[in-house]
N, C-alpha and C. Protein backbone atom coordinates (compact mmCIF):
# COMPACT_ATOMS: atom_id res chain seq x y z
N MET A 1 -15.45 -15.15 2.43
CA MET A 1 -14.12 -14.63 2.74
C MET A 1 -13.56 -15.35 3.97
N ILE A 2 -12.37 -15.90 3.85
CA ILE A 2 -11.71 -16.56 4.98
C ILE A 2 -10.77 -15.54 5.61
N THR A 3 -11.06 -15.11 6.82
CA THR A 3 -10.30 -14.03 7.45
C THR A 3 -9.21 -14.53 8.40
N PHE A 4 -9.32 -15.78 8.86
CA PHE A 4 -8.24 -16.38 9.62
C PHE A 4 -8.39 -17.89 9.58
N VAL A 5 -7.28 -18.58 9.88
CA VAL A 5 -7.29 -20.04 9.99
C VAL A 5 -6.59 -20.39 11.31
N GLU A 6 -7.20 -21.29 12.07
CA GLU A 6 -6.63 -21.69 13.35
C GLU A 6 -6.54 -23.21 13.40
N GLY A 7 -5.39 -23.73 13.80
CA GLY A 7 -5.21 -25.17 13.88
C GLY A 7 -3.79 -25.53 14.20
N ILE A 8 -3.39 -26.76 13.84
CA ILE A 8 -2.05 -27.25 14.12
C ILE A 8 -1.15 -26.98 12.92
N LEU A 9 0.01 -26.42 13.18
CA LEU A 9 0.97 -26.14 12.12
C LEU A 9 1.62 -27.45 11.68
N GLU A 10 1.36 -27.87 10.45
CA GLU A 10 1.84 -29.16 9.95
C GLU A 10 3.13 -29.04 9.15
N LYS A 11 3.31 -27.92 8.47
CA LYS A 11 4.47 -27.77 7.59
C LYS A 11 4.85 -26.30 7.50
N VAL A 12 6.15 -26.02 7.47
CA VAL A 12 6.62 -24.64 7.37
C VAL A 12 7.73 -24.55 6.33
N LEU A 13 7.52 -23.72 5.32
CA LEU A 13 8.54 -23.38 4.34
C LEU A 13 8.65 -21.85 4.29
N PRO A 14 9.73 -21.32 3.75
CA PRO A 14 9.88 -19.85 3.73
C PRO A 14 8.74 -19.10 3.05
N THR A 15 8.07 -19.76 2.11
CA THR A 15 7.00 -19.07 1.37
C THR A 15 5.62 -19.69 1.58
N MET A 16 5.53 -20.74 2.39
CA MET A 16 4.25 -21.45 2.51
C MET A 16 4.18 -22.25 3.79
N ILE A 17 2.98 -22.33 4.37
CA ILE A 17 2.74 -23.19 5.52
C ILE A 17 1.49 -24.03 5.25
N VAL A 18 1.35 -25.10 6.01
CA VAL A 18 0.13 -25.90 5.98
C VAL A 18 -0.40 -25.99 7.40
N ILE A 19 -1.67 -25.65 7.58
CA ILE A 19 -2.32 -25.73 8.88
C ILE A 19 -3.44 -26.76 8.82
N ASN A 20 -3.43 -27.67 9.79
CA ASN A 20 -4.49 -28.67 9.93
C ASN A 20 -5.56 -28.08 10.83
N ALA A 21 -6.68 -27.70 10.22
CA ALA A 21 -7.80 -27.12 10.97
C ALA A 21 -8.96 -28.11 10.97
N ASN A 22 -9.09 -28.85 12.06
CA ASN A 22 -10.15 -29.84 12.19
C ASN A 22 -10.14 -30.86 11.05
N GLY A 23 -8.94 -31.33 10.70
CA GLY A 23 -8.83 -32.37 9.69
C GLY A 23 -8.74 -31.89 8.26
N ILE A 24 -8.80 -30.56 8.05
CA ILE A 24 -8.64 -29.99 6.71
C ILE A 24 -7.30 -29.27 6.65
N GLY A 25 -6.49 -29.61 5.65
CA GLY A 25 -5.19 -28.98 5.51
C GLY A 25 -5.26 -27.75 4.61
N TYR A 26 -4.96 -26.60 5.18
CA TYR A 26 -4.98 -25.35 4.42
C TYR A 26 -3.55 -24.98 4.02
N GLN A 27 -3.31 -24.89 2.72
CA GLN A 27 -2.03 -24.41 2.21
C GLN A 27 -2.10 -22.90 2.11
N ILE A 28 -1.20 -22.23 2.79
CA ILE A 28 -1.26 -20.77 2.92
C ILE A 28 0.08 -20.17 2.52
N LEU A 29 0.05 -19.25 1.57
CA LEU A 29 1.26 -18.56 1.13
C LEU A 29 1.58 -17.43 2.11
N ILE A 30 2.85 -17.31 2.49
CA ILE A 30 3.24 -16.32 3.50
C ILE A 30 4.46 -15.52 3.04
N PRO A 31 4.64 -14.31 3.60
CA PRO A 31 5.87 -13.55 3.35
C PRO A 31 6.96 -14.00 4.33
N LEU A 32 8.21 -13.64 4.02
CA LEU A 32 9.31 -14.00 4.90
C LEU A 32 9.16 -13.35 6.28
N SER A 33 8.51 -12.19 6.33
CA SER A 33 8.32 -11.52 7.61
C SER A 33 7.49 -12.37 8.57
N SER A 34 6.56 -13.16 8.02
CA SER A 34 5.77 -14.07 8.85
C SER A 34 6.52 -15.37 9.12
N PHE A 35 7.27 -15.86 8.12
CA PHE A 35 8.03 -17.09 8.29
C PHE A 35 9.00 -16.99 9.47
N ASP A 36 9.63 -15.83 9.60
CA ASP A 36 10.62 -15.64 10.67
C ASP A 36 10.01 -15.75 12.07
N ARG A 37 8.69 -15.63 12.16
CA ARG A 37 8.02 -15.63 13.47
C ARG A 37 7.19 -16.89 13.71
N MET A 38 7.29 -17.86 12.81
CA MET A 38 6.49 -19.08 12.95
C MET A 38 6.97 -19.94 14.13
N PRO A 39 6.02 -20.52 14.87
CA PRO A 39 6.39 -21.44 15.96
C PRO A 39 6.80 -22.79 15.38
N PRO A 40 7.27 -23.72 16.21
CA PRO A 40 7.67 -25.05 15.69
C PRO A 40 6.48 -25.81 15.11
N VAL A 41 6.80 -26.71 14.18
CA VAL A 41 5.77 -27.61 13.64
C VAL A 41 5.12 -28.38 14.78
N GLY A 42 3.81 -28.52 14.72
CA GLY A 42 3.05 -29.18 15.79
C GLY A 42 2.41 -28.21 16.76
N SER A 43 2.77 -26.92 16.63
CA SER A 43 2.20 -25.90 17.52
C SER A 43 0.81 -25.49 17.06
N GLN A 44 0.02 -25.04 18.01
CA GLN A 44 -1.27 -24.44 17.70
C GLN A 44 -1.03 -23.04 17.16
N LEU A 45 -1.70 -22.69 16.07
CA LEU A 45 -1.44 -21.40 15.44
C LEU A 45 -2.73 -20.81 14.89
N ARG A 46 -2.89 -19.52 15.09
CA ARG A 46 -3.98 -18.76 14.46
C ARG A 46 -3.33 -17.70 13.58
N ILE A 47 -3.67 -17.72 12.30
CA ILE A 47 -3.01 -16.81 11.37
C ILE A 47 -4.05 -16.01 10.59
N ALA A 48 -3.80 -14.70 10.47
CA ALA A 48 -4.69 -13.84 9.68
C ALA A 48 -4.52 -14.18 8.21
N THR A 49 -5.61 -14.20 7.46
CA THR A 49 -5.54 -14.59 6.06
C THR A 49 -6.26 -13.61 5.14
N HIS A 50 -5.84 -13.65 3.89
CA HIS A 50 -6.54 -12.93 2.82
C HIS A 50 -6.89 -13.97 1.76
N HIS A 51 -8.18 -14.11 1.47
CA HIS A 51 -8.67 -15.10 0.50
C HIS A 51 -8.75 -14.43 -0.87
N HIS A 52 -7.90 -14.86 -1.78
CA HIS A 52 -7.83 -14.22 -3.10
C HIS A 52 -8.41 -15.16 -4.15
N VAL A 53 -9.42 -14.69 -4.83
CA VAL A 53 -10.10 -15.51 -5.84
C VAL A 53 -9.81 -14.94 -7.23
N ARG A 54 -9.35 -15.83 -8.12
CA ARG A 54 -9.16 -15.44 -9.51
C ARG A 54 -9.79 -16.51 -10.39
N GLU A 55 -9.78 -16.32 -11.69
CA GLU A 55 -10.51 -17.22 -12.59
C GLU A 55 -10.01 -18.66 -12.51
N ASP A 56 -8.70 -18.84 -12.34
CA ASP A 56 -8.14 -20.19 -12.41
C ASP A 56 -7.73 -20.77 -11.06
N ALA A 57 -7.93 -20.02 -9.97
CA ALA A 57 -7.48 -20.54 -8.67
C ALA A 57 -8.06 -19.72 -7.53
N GLN A 58 -8.10 -20.36 -6.35
CA GLN A 58 -8.40 -19.65 -5.11
C GLN A 58 -7.19 -19.83 -4.20
N LEU A 59 -6.62 -18.73 -3.75
CA LEU A 59 -5.39 -18.78 -2.97
C LEU A 59 -5.60 -18.13 -1.61
N LEU A 60 -4.94 -18.70 -0.61
CA LEU A 60 -4.95 -18.12 0.73
C LEU A 60 -3.57 -17.54 1.02
N TYR A 61 -3.55 -16.27 1.41
CA TYR A 61 -2.32 -15.62 1.83
C TYR A 61 -2.41 -15.44 3.34
N GLY A 62 -1.34 -15.79 4.04
CA GLY A 62 -1.37 -15.73 5.50
C GLY A 62 -0.34 -14.78 6.07
N PHE A 63 -0.67 -14.24 7.25
CA PHE A 63 0.18 -13.23 7.88
C PHE A 63 0.18 -13.44 9.38
N TYR A 64 1.37 -13.40 9.96
CA TYR A 64 1.48 -13.63 11.40
C TYR A 64 0.74 -12.56 12.19
N SER A 65 0.69 -11.35 11.64
CA SER A 65 -0.02 -10.27 12.33
C SER A 65 -1.05 -9.64 11.40
N GLU A 66 -2.07 -9.06 11.99
CA GLU A 66 -3.09 -8.37 11.19
C GLU A 66 -2.50 -7.12 10.54
N ALA A 67 -1.47 -6.54 11.15
CA ALA A 67 -0.83 -5.35 10.57
C ALA A 67 -0.20 -5.70 9.21
N GLU A 68 0.40 -6.88 9.12
CA GLU A 68 0.96 -7.33 7.84
C GLU A 68 -0.14 -7.50 6.81
N ARG A 69 -1.24 -8.13 7.23
CA ARG A 69 -2.35 -8.31 6.29
C ARG A 69 -2.93 -6.98 5.85
N ASP A 70 -3.04 -6.02 6.77
CA ASP A 70 -3.58 -4.71 6.42
C ASP A 70 -2.71 -4.04 5.35
N LEU A 71 -1.38 -4.14 5.50
CA LEU A 71 -0.49 -3.55 4.51
C LEU A 71 -0.63 -4.27 3.17
N PHE A 72 -0.71 -5.59 3.19
CA PHE A 72 -0.92 -6.38 1.98
C PHE A 72 -2.16 -5.90 1.24
N ARG A 73 -3.24 -5.71 1.98
CA ARG A 73 -4.50 -5.27 1.37
C ARG A 73 -4.41 -3.84 0.86
N LEU A 74 -3.68 -2.97 1.57
CA LEU A 74 -3.49 -1.61 1.10
C LEU A 74 -2.75 -1.60 -0.23
N LEU A 75 -1.72 -2.43 -0.34
CA LEU A 75 -0.97 -2.51 -1.58
C LEU A 75 -1.86 -2.96 -2.74
N LEU A 76 -2.67 -3.99 -2.50
CA LEU A 76 -3.55 -4.50 -3.55
C LEU A 76 -4.60 -3.46 -3.96
N ALA A 77 -5.15 -2.78 -2.97
CA ALA A 77 -6.29 -1.89 -3.22
C ALA A 77 -5.88 -0.54 -3.81
N HIS A 78 -4.68 -0.08 -3.49
CA HIS A 78 -4.36 1.31 -3.80
C HIS A 78 -3.17 1.53 -4.72
N VAL A 79 -2.38 0.51 -4.98
CA VAL A 79 -1.20 0.70 -5.84
C VAL A 79 -1.40 -0.04 -7.16
N SER A 80 -1.58 0.70 -8.23
CA SER A 80 -1.80 0.08 -9.53
C SER A 80 -0.57 -0.72 -9.94
N GLY A 81 -0.82 -1.89 -10.51
CA GLY A 81 0.27 -2.74 -10.96
C GLY A 81 0.81 -3.68 -9.90
N VAL A 82 0.30 -3.59 -8.68
CA VAL A 82 0.74 -4.48 -7.60
C VAL A 82 -0.33 -5.54 -7.34
N GLY A 83 0.01 -6.79 -7.64
CA GLY A 83 -0.87 -7.91 -7.36
C GLY A 83 -0.40 -8.66 -6.13
N PRO A 84 -1.06 -9.76 -5.81
CA PRO A 84 -0.70 -10.52 -4.60
C PRO A 84 0.76 -10.97 -4.57
N LYS A 85 1.29 -11.43 -5.69
CA LYS A 85 2.66 -11.93 -5.73
C LYS A 85 3.66 -10.82 -5.39
N LEU A 86 3.47 -9.65 -5.98
CA LEU A 86 4.39 -8.54 -5.72
C LEU A 86 4.19 -7.99 -4.31
N ALA A 87 2.95 -7.94 -3.85
CA ALA A 87 2.68 -7.47 -2.49
C ALA A 87 3.37 -8.38 -1.47
N LEU A 88 3.34 -9.69 -1.73
CA LEU A 88 4.02 -10.64 -0.85
C LEU A 88 5.53 -10.42 -0.89
N ALA A 89 6.07 -10.12 -2.08
CA ALA A 89 7.50 -9.86 -2.21
C ALA A 89 7.90 -8.61 -1.44
N ILE A 90 7.04 -7.60 -1.44
CA ILE A 90 7.33 -6.37 -0.70
C ILE A 90 7.40 -6.65 0.80
N LEU A 91 6.44 -7.44 1.30
CA LEU A 91 6.46 -7.79 2.72
C LEU A 91 7.65 -8.68 3.06
N SER A 92 8.11 -9.45 2.09
CA SER A 92 9.27 -10.31 2.32
C SER A 92 10.57 -9.52 2.28
N GLY A 93 10.58 -8.42 1.54
CA GLY A 93 11.81 -7.67 1.34
C GLY A 93 12.14 -6.68 2.43
N MET A 94 11.16 -6.33 3.25
CA MET A 94 11.37 -5.35 4.32
C MET A 94 10.47 -5.69 5.50
N SER A 95 10.93 -5.35 6.68
CA SER A 95 10.04 -5.47 7.83
C SER A 95 8.95 -4.41 7.70
N LEU A 96 7.88 -4.61 8.44
CA LEU A 96 6.76 -3.67 8.40
C LEU A 96 7.21 -2.25 8.75
N ASP A 97 7.98 -2.12 9.82
CA ASP A 97 8.43 -0.80 10.27
C ASP A 97 9.37 -0.16 9.26
N GLN A 98 10.28 -0.96 8.66
CA GLN A 98 11.20 -0.44 7.66
C GLN A 98 10.45 0.06 6.44
N PHE A 99 9.43 -0.71 6.01
CA PHE A 99 8.67 -0.31 4.83
C PHE A 99 7.90 0.98 5.10
N LYS A 100 7.26 1.07 6.25
CA LYS A 100 6.51 2.29 6.59
C LYS A 100 7.44 3.49 6.62
N ALA A 101 8.61 3.31 7.23
CA ALA A 101 9.57 4.42 7.32
C ALA A 101 10.03 4.85 5.92
N ALA A 102 10.25 3.86 5.04
CA ALA A 102 10.69 4.18 3.69
C ALA A 102 9.62 4.93 2.91
N VAL A 103 8.37 4.51 3.07
CA VAL A 103 7.27 5.20 2.37
C VAL A 103 7.10 6.61 2.91
N ILE A 104 7.08 6.75 4.22
CA ILE A 104 6.85 8.06 4.83
C ILE A 104 7.96 9.04 4.47
N SER A 105 9.21 8.54 4.34
CA SER A 105 10.34 9.41 4.01
C SER A 105 10.61 9.47 2.50
N SER A 106 9.72 8.86 1.71
CA SER A 106 9.85 8.83 0.24
C SER A 106 11.19 8.23 -0.20
N ASP A 107 11.62 7.18 0.47
CA ASP A 107 12.89 6.53 0.15
C ASP A 107 12.67 5.52 -0.99
N ILE A 108 12.57 6.05 -2.20
CA ILE A 108 12.30 5.22 -3.37
C ILE A 108 13.43 4.24 -3.64
N VAL A 109 14.67 4.66 -3.37
CA VAL A 109 15.83 3.79 -3.60
C VAL A 109 15.71 2.52 -2.76
N ALA A 110 15.37 2.68 -1.48
CA ALA A 110 15.27 1.52 -0.59
C ALA A 110 14.15 0.58 -1.04
N ILE A 111 13.02 1.14 -1.41
CA ILE A 111 11.89 0.30 -1.83
C ILE A 111 12.19 -0.41 -3.15
N SER A 112 12.88 0.27 -4.06
CA SER A 112 13.18 -0.32 -5.36
C SER A 112 14.22 -1.43 -5.27
N ARG A 113 14.90 -1.56 -4.12
CA ARG A 113 15.85 -2.67 -3.93
C ARG A 113 15.14 -3.99 -3.68
N ILE A 114 13.87 -3.95 -3.33
CA ILE A 114 13.11 -5.18 -3.10
C ILE A 114 12.99 -5.94 -4.41
N SER A 115 13.21 -7.24 -4.35
CA SER A 115 13.16 -8.07 -5.56
C SER A 115 11.81 -7.94 -6.26
N GLY A 116 11.85 -7.59 -7.55
CA GLY A 116 10.63 -7.47 -8.33
C GLY A 116 10.03 -6.07 -8.35
N VAL A 117 10.58 -5.17 -7.53
CA VAL A 117 10.06 -3.80 -7.44
C VAL A 117 11.04 -2.85 -8.13
N GLY A 118 10.64 -2.30 -9.24
CA GLY A 118 11.48 -1.34 -9.93
C GLY A 118 11.23 0.08 -9.44
N LYS A 119 11.93 1.02 -10.05
CA LYS A 119 11.82 2.42 -9.63
C LYS A 119 10.40 2.95 -9.82
N LYS A 120 9.78 2.64 -10.97
CA LYS A 120 8.44 3.17 -11.24
C LYS A 120 7.42 2.62 -10.24
N THR A 121 7.54 1.33 -9.93
CA THR A 121 6.62 0.74 -8.95
C THR A 121 6.85 1.36 -7.58
N ALA A 122 8.12 1.56 -7.22
CA ALA A 122 8.44 2.18 -5.93
C ALA A 122 7.86 3.58 -5.84
N GLU A 123 7.93 4.32 -6.94
CA GLU A 123 7.35 5.68 -6.96
C GLU A 123 5.84 5.63 -6.77
N ARG A 124 5.18 4.65 -7.41
CA ARG A 124 3.72 4.52 -7.25
C ARG A 124 3.37 4.15 -5.81
N VAL A 125 4.17 3.26 -5.21
CA VAL A 125 3.93 2.85 -3.82
C VAL A 125 3.97 4.08 -2.90
N VAL A 126 5.00 4.89 -3.06
CA VAL A 126 5.13 6.09 -2.22
C VAL A 126 3.98 7.05 -2.47
N LEU A 127 3.67 7.28 -3.74
CA LEU A 127 2.62 8.23 -4.10
C LEU A 127 1.26 7.82 -3.52
N GLU A 128 0.94 6.51 -3.64
CA GLU A 128 -0.38 6.04 -3.24
C GLU A 128 -0.51 5.78 -1.74
N LEU A 129 0.58 5.44 -1.09
CA LEU A 129 0.48 5.01 0.32
C LEU A 129 1.02 6.00 1.34
N LYS A 130 1.71 7.03 0.90
CA LYS A 130 2.37 7.91 1.87
C LYS A 130 1.40 8.50 2.88
N ASP A 131 0.30 9.04 2.39
CA ASP A 131 -0.67 9.64 3.31
C ASP A 131 -1.29 8.60 4.22
N LYS A 132 -1.64 7.45 3.66
CA LYS A 132 -2.31 6.41 4.45
C LYS A 132 -1.37 5.84 5.51
N LEU A 133 -0.14 5.51 5.11
CA LEU A 133 0.80 4.93 6.07
C LEU A 133 1.30 5.97 7.05
N GLY A 134 1.43 7.20 6.59
CA GLY A 134 1.88 8.24 7.50
C GLY A 134 0.89 8.44 8.64
N VAL A 135 -0.37 8.47 8.29
CA VAL A 135 -1.42 8.61 9.30
C VAL A 135 -1.44 7.40 10.21
N ALA A 136 -1.38 6.22 9.60
CA ALA A 136 -1.41 5.00 10.41
C ALA A 136 -0.25 4.95 11.37
N ALA A 137 0.93 5.33 10.91
CA ALA A 137 2.10 5.31 11.78
C ALA A 137 1.93 6.28 12.94
N GLN A 138 1.36 7.44 12.65
CA GLN A 138 1.13 8.42 13.73
C GLN A 138 0.16 7.86 14.76
N TRP A 139 -0.89 7.20 14.28
CA TRP A 139 -1.87 6.64 15.21
C TRP A 139 -1.28 5.49 16.01
N GLU A 140 -0.44 4.68 15.37
CA GLU A 140 0.19 3.58 16.09
C GLU A 140 1.11 4.12 17.19
N ALA A 141 1.86 5.18 16.87
CA ALA A 141 2.73 5.77 17.89
C ALA A 141 1.91 6.33 19.05
N ALA A 142 0.79 6.96 18.70
CA ALA A 142 -0.07 7.52 19.74
C ALA A 142 -0.64 6.42 20.63
N SER A 143 -0.94 5.29 20.02
CA SER A 143 -1.56 4.21 20.79
C SER A 143 -0.61 3.64 21.84
N LEU A 144 0.69 3.75 21.59
CA LEU A 144 1.66 3.24 22.57
C LEU A 144 1.60 4.05 23.87
N GLN A 145 1.09 5.24 23.77
CA GLN A 145 1.00 6.10 24.94
C GLN A 145 -0.31 5.88 25.70
N GLN A 146 -1.18 5.04 25.15
CA GLN A 146 -2.48 4.79 25.78
C GLN A 146 -2.46 3.44 26.48
N ALA A 147 -3.22 3.31 27.53
CA ALA A 147 -3.38 2.01 28.18
C ALA A 147 -4.08 1.08 27.21
N GLN A 148 -3.64 -0.17 27.14
CA GLN A 148 -4.21 -1.10 26.19
C GLN A 148 -5.71 -1.29 26.41
N GLY A 149 -6.14 -1.19 27.66
CA GLY A 149 -7.56 -1.37 27.93
C GLY A 149 -8.35 -0.08 27.90
N GLY A 150 -7.69 1.03 27.58
CA GLY A 150 -8.36 2.32 27.60
C GLY A 150 -9.38 2.45 26.49
N ARG A 151 -10.40 3.31 26.71
CA ARG A 151 -11.43 3.50 25.70
C ARG A 151 -10.87 4.15 24.44
N GLY A 152 -9.77 4.94 24.60
CA GLY A 152 -9.19 5.60 23.44
C GLY A 152 -8.70 4.62 22.40
N LYS A 153 -8.35 3.42 22.81
CA LYS A 153 -7.85 2.41 21.86
C LYS A 153 -8.95 2.01 20.88
N TYR A 154 -10.20 1.99 21.33
CA TYR A 154 -11.29 1.64 20.42
C TYR A 154 -11.42 2.67 19.30
N LEU A 155 -11.30 3.94 19.67
CA LEU A 155 -11.35 5.01 18.67
C LEU A 155 -10.16 4.89 17.73
N HIS A 156 -8.98 4.69 18.29
CA HIS A 156 -7.75 4.53 17.50
C HIS A 156 -7.89 3.40 16.49
N ASP A 157 -8.33 2.23 16.95
CA ASP A 157 -8.47 1.07 16.06
C ASP A 157 -9.53 1.30 15.00
N ALA A 158 -10.60 2.00 15.38
CA ALA A 158 -11.67 2.28 14.41
C ALA A 158 -11.17 3.19 13.30
N ILE A 159 -10.39 4.20 13.66
CA ILE A 159 -9.87 5.12 12.65
C ILE A 159 -8.90 4.42 11.72
N LEU A 160 -8.04 3.55 12.27
CA LEU A 160 -7.13 2.77 11.42
C LEU A 160 -7.92 1.89 10.46
N ALA A 161 -9.00 1.29 10.95
CA ALA A 161 -9.83 0.43 10.09
C ALA A 161 -10.44 1.25 8.95
N LEU A 162 -10.90 2.45 9.25
CA LEU A 162 -11.50 3.30 8.23
C LEU A 162 -10.46 3.75 7.21
N ILE A 163 -9.24 4.04 7.68
CA ILE A 163 -8.16 4.40 6.76
C ILE A 163 -7.86 3.24 5.82
N SER A 164 -7.84 2.01 6.39
CA SER A 164 -7.55 0.84 5.57
C SER A 164 -8.64 0.60 4.52
N LEU A 165 -9.84 1.12 4.78
CA LEU A 165 -10.94 1.01 3.81
C LEU A 165 -10.87 2.10 2.74
N GLY A 166 -9.89 3.00 2.89
CA GLY A 166 -9.69 4.01 1.85
C GLY A 166 -10.15 5.41 2.19
N TYR A 167 -10.67 5.62 3.41
CA TYR A 167 -11.13 6.96 3.79
C TYR A 167 -9.95 7.81 4.26
N LYS A 168 -10.04 9.10 4.04
CA LYS A 168 -8.99 10.02 4.47
C LYS A 168 -8.99 10.13 6.00
N GLN A 169 -7.80 10.31 6.55
CA GLN A 169 -7.68 10.35 8.00
C GLN A 169 -8.53 11.45 8.62
N GLY A 170 -8.52 12.63 7.98
CA GLY A 170 -9.27 13.75 8.55
C GLY A 170 -10.77 13.46 8.62
N ASP A 171 -11.30 12.89 7.53
CA ASP A 171 -12.73 12.56 7.51
C ASP A 171 -13.05 11.46 8.52
N ALA A 172 -12.21 10.43 8.56
CA ALA A 172 -12.45 9.30 9.47
C ALA A 172 -12.42 9.76 10.92
N GLU A 173 -11.41 10.54 11.28
CA GLU A 173 -11.29 11.00 12.67
C GLU A 173 -12.44 11.91 13.05
N ARG A 174 -12.79 12.86 12.18
CA ARG A 174 -13.85 13.81 12.49
C ARG A 174 -15.19 13.10 12.73
N GLU A 175 -15.54 12.20 11.80
CA GLU A 175 -16.84 11.53 11.91
C GLU A 175 -16.87 10.52 13.05
N ALA A 176 -15.74 9.84 13.30
CA ALA A 176 -15.71 8.88 14.40
C ALA A 176 -15.87 9.58 15.74
N ARG A 177 -15.24 10.73 15.88
CA ARG A 177 -15.38 11.49 17.13
C ARG A 177 -16.81 12.00 17.31
N LYS A 178 -17.45 12.36 16.20
CA LYS A 178 -18.85 12.79 16.28
C LYS A 178 -19.73 11.64 16.74
N VAL A 179 -19.45 10.43 16.23
CA VAL A 179 -20.22 9.25 16.63
C VAL A 179 -20.09 9.03 18.13
N LEU A 180 -18.87 9.15 18.64
CA LEU A 180 -18.66 8.94 20.08
C LEU A 180 -19.38 10.00 20.91
N SER A 181 -19.35 11.24 20.43
CA SER A 181 -19.99 12.30 21.20
C SER A 181 -21.52 12.15 21.19
N LEU A 182 -22.06 11.61 20.10
CA LEU A 182 -23.51 11.45 19.99
C LEU A 182 -24.02 10.19 20.68
N LEU A 183 -23.26 9.09 20.56
CA LEU A 183 -23.74 7.79 21.03
C LEU A 183 -23.06 7.31 22.32
N GLY A 184 -22.05 8.03 22.75
CA GLY A 184 -21.43 7.66 24.03
C GLY A 184 -20.07 7.01 23.87
N GLU A 185 -19.28 7.07 24.94
CA GLU A 185 -17.90 6.58 24.92
C GLU A 185 -17.79 5.08 25.09
N THR A 186 -18.90 4.37 25.27
CA THR A 186 -18.83 2.94 25.56
C THR A 186 -18.90 2.07 24.31
N LEU A 187 -18.92 2.68 23.12
CA LEU A 187 -19.00 1.91 21.88
C LEU A 187 -17.74 1.08 21.67
N SER A 188 -17.92 -0.11 21.08
CA SER A 188 -16.78 -0.94 20.72
C SER A 188 -16.19 -0.44 19.40
N THR A 189 -15.02 -0.98 19.03
CA THR A 189 -14.40 -0.61 17.75
C THR A 189 -15.35 -0.88 16.59
N GLU A 190 -15.96 -2.07 16.56
CA GLU A 190 -16.86 -2.42 15.46
C GLU A 190 -18.04 -1.47 15.38
N GLU A 191 -18.58 -1.10 16.54
CA GLU A 191 -19.73 -0.19 16.56
C GLU A 191 -19.33 1.19 16.06
N ILE A 192 -18.14 1.65 16.44
CA ILE A 192 -17.67 2.96 15.96
C ILE A 192 -17.51 2.94 14.45
N VAL A 193 -16.89 1.86 13.93
CA VAL A 193 -16.69 1.76 12.48
C VAL A 193 -18.03 1.73 11.76
N ARG A 194 -18.94 0.90 12.24
CA ARG A 194 -20.25 0.76 11.58
C ARG A 194 -21.00 2.09 11.55
N GLU A 195 -21.05 2.77 12.68
CA GLU A 195 -21.81 4.02 12.75
C GLU A 195 -21.12 5.12 11.95
N THR A 196 -19.78 5.12 11.96
CA THR A 196 -19.05 6.13 11.20
C THR A 196 -19.24 5.94 9.70
N LEU A 197 -19.24 4.69 9.27
CA LEU A 197 -19.47 4.39 7.84
C LEU A 197 -20.80 4.95 7.37
N LYS A 198 -21.82 4.83 8.24
CA LYS A 198 -23.14 5.37 7.88
C LYS A 198 -23.06 6.86 7.60
N ARG A 199 -22.23 7.56 8.39
CA ARG A 199 -22.10 9.01 8.20
C ARG A 199 -21.27 9.33 6.96
N LEU A 200 -20.24 8.53 6.72
CA LEU A 200 -19.34 8.81 5.60
C LEU A 200 -19.98 8.55 4.25
N VAL A 201 -20.89 7.57 4.19
CA VAL A 201 -21.51 7.23 2.90
C VAL A 201 -22.82 7.97 2.66
N SER A 202 -23.30 8.66 3.68
CA SER A 202 -24.58 9.38 3.51
C SER A 202 -24.38 10.70 2.78
């Protein structure tokens, strides 16, 4: 799994970029939300990626932020009928914040305006993602009130990671807090996720 690519930005198009990483050119498909934030050609760039393997091709999808990639993966994992192409179109059709707000408020009309997304697909998106995005949005808002270096951020990030893996917010939060109380407040995000997963799958 290729989780990020770092190198020199060689080419930028609205739907695709090329990064030269130590002499290897990676062609990476991107949404318009990432294109709008790309630096000039020749700049050093690190981009979050999703490596998609199918029978006839291996494709890299790239995202300027990990939040965009997380939403892309949520769409693929939880919304039936949504593949990489449509997930990319959804990210291109709305900003991250606009999409989250539309899902949380069940604004099917706004979502169905995205190119390639009909009413039925928009309804499935809301049905499958409302709880997950609603929780994530609440946690993101809460994190703004915390110091970036505070220990609470590790718990916050761990719970978001568990939600993105498909666990319910209540279960993830309860078990993560138990892990912290048992093993101490000095755990990193990765350690919290790892130890919490052990409890959730047992």
